[in-house]
Protein backbone atom coordinates (compact mmCIF):
# COMPACT_ATOMS: atom_id res chain seq x y z
CA MET A 1 0.00 0.00 0.00
CA PRO A 2 2.59 2.54 -1.02
CA SER A 3 -0.18 4.90 -2.12
CA LEU A 4 -1.32 5.19 1.49
CA VAL A 5 2.19 5.84 2.75
CA ASN A 6 2.81 8.42 0.02
CA GLY A 7 -0.42 10.22 0.86
CA VAL A 8 -2.14 9.45 -2.45
CA LEU A 9 -4.95 7.50 -0.75
CA SER A 10 -6.67 8.27 2.51
CA ILE A 11 -6.98 5.54 5.10
CA HIS A 12 -10.69 5.24 4.29
CA ALA A 13 -10.02 4.87 0.57
CA ALA A 14 -7.23 2.37 1.11
CA ALA A 15 -9.44 0.34 3.46
CA ARG A 16 -12.19 0.17 0.84
CA THR A 17 -9.77 -0.54 -2.02
CA HIS A 18 -7.98 -3.39 -0.24
CA ASN A 19 -11.01 -4.68 1.68
CA ILE A 20 -9.40 -4.13 5.09
CA ALA A 21 -11.26 -2.85 8.13
CA TYR A 22 -10.66 0.87 8.61
CA GLY A 23 -9.77 0.44 12.30
CA THR A 24 -7.19 -2.21 11.52
CA LEU A 25 -5.57 -0.13 8.83
CA HIS A 26 -5.67 3.03 10.94
CA ASN A 27 -4.06 1.31 13.92
CA ARG A 28 -1.39 -0.33 11.78
CA PHE A 29 -0.62 2.91 9.92
CA HIS A 30 -0.24 4.86 13.17
CA GLY A 31 1.70 2.11 14.92
CA CYS A 32 -0.99 1.39 17.50
CA ARG A 33 -0.87 -2.07 18.99
CA ILE A 34 -3.01 -2.52 22.05
CA LYS A 35 -2.03 -6.12 22.74
CA THR A 36 0.49 -8.51 21.34
CA THR A 37 -0.71 -10.95 18.75
CA GLY A 38 -1.76 -14.40 19.90
CA GLY A 39 -2.93 -15.33 23.35
CA GLN A 40 -2.01 -13.11 26.24
CA THR A 41 0.62 -14.47 28.58
CA VAL A 42 -0.10 -15.32 32.19
CA LEU A 43 3.46 -15.02 33.46
CA THR A 44 5.77 -12.08 32.92
CA ALA A 45 9.01 -12.57 31.03
CA ASN A 46 10.94 -12.40 34.32
CA GLU A 47 8.70 -15.03 35.90
CA GLU A 48 9.14 -17.31 32.90
CA GLU A 49 12.91 -16.88 33.10
CA ALA A 50 12.91 -17.69 36.83
CA ILE A 51 10.81 -20.81 36.29
CA LEU A 52 12.99 -21.90 33.38
CA SER A 53 16.09 -21.41 35.49
CA SER A 54 14.60 -23.57 38.25
CA ILE A 55 13.63 -26.28 35.77
CA LEU A 56 17.15 -26.31 34.34
CA LYS A 57 18.60 -26.49 37.85
CA CYS A 58 16.45 -29.56 38.58
CA SER A 59 17.76 -31.11 35.39
CA ASP A 60 21.36 -30.32 36.35
CA TRP A 61 20.79 -32.06 39.68
CA GLY A 62 19.58 -35.17 37.86
CA PHE A 63 15.85 -34.60 38.31
CA PRO A 64 14.39 -34.00 34.86
CA LEU A 65 10.81 -32.80 35.01
CA ILE A 66 7.87 -34.11 33.02
CA PRO A 67 5.22 -31.66 31.76
CA GLN A 68 2.94 -32.39 34.75
CA ASP A 69 5.79 -31.37 37.09
CA VAL A 70 6.19 -28.06 35.28
CA ARG A 71 2.46 -27.38 35.52
CA MET A 72 2.56 -28.11 39.27
CA PHE A 73 5.61 -25.88 39.57
CA VAL A 74 3.63 -23.00 38.04
CA LYS A 75 0.60 -23.73 40.25
CA ILE A 76 2.70 -23.64 43.41
CA TYR A 77 4.37 -20.42 42.26
CA LEU A 78 1.01 -18.76 41.58
CA ASP A 79 -0.40 -19.96 44.91
CA LYS A 80 2.63 -18.70 46.87
CA THR A 81 2.50 -15.29 45.20
CA GLY A 82 -1.23 -15.03 45.86
CA ARG A 83 -2.18 -14.73 42.21
CA VAL A 84 -5.37 -16.33 40.93
CA ILE A 85 -5.54 -17.07 37.22
CA HIS A 86 -9.17 -17.64 36.33
CA ARG A 87 -8.26 -19.38 33.08
CA PHE A 88 -6.65 -22.18 35.09
CA SER A 89 -8.67 -24.63 37.12
CA ASP A 90 -7.51 -24.18 40.73
CA ASN A 91 -4.48 -22.24 39.41
CA LEU A 92 -3.22 -25.36 37.62
CA PRO A 93 -2.41 -24.77 33.94
CA GLY A 94 -4.04 -27.23 31.56
CA SER A 95 -2.14 -29.71 29.44
CA ASP A 96 -2.62 -27.40 26.43
CA TRP A 97 -0.62 -24.71 28.26
CA GLU A 98 2.55 -26.81 28.25
CA GLY A 99 3.15 -26.54 24.54
CA SER A 100 2.26 -22.90 24.15
């Protein structure tokens, strides 16, 4: 859509021409991104790093973890920090969470 960038077409005209929702095109053109694409994360990047570090430490000590162990690890972490994640049943991530 170089014509939009060059100012030849308005956002409305470009949206109609390319069959794209005006709001989507407007937000993309102006660099607005409210949320990241895909599902929203439950843990922060720092929390994920801390959990990963702990999992690797268990492995170094000769205690490799299975996916159920990792899920329990996250549940215990959430319980100890007092966070309640309503997407999880009793704060326990589902088996689909493991691969995401």
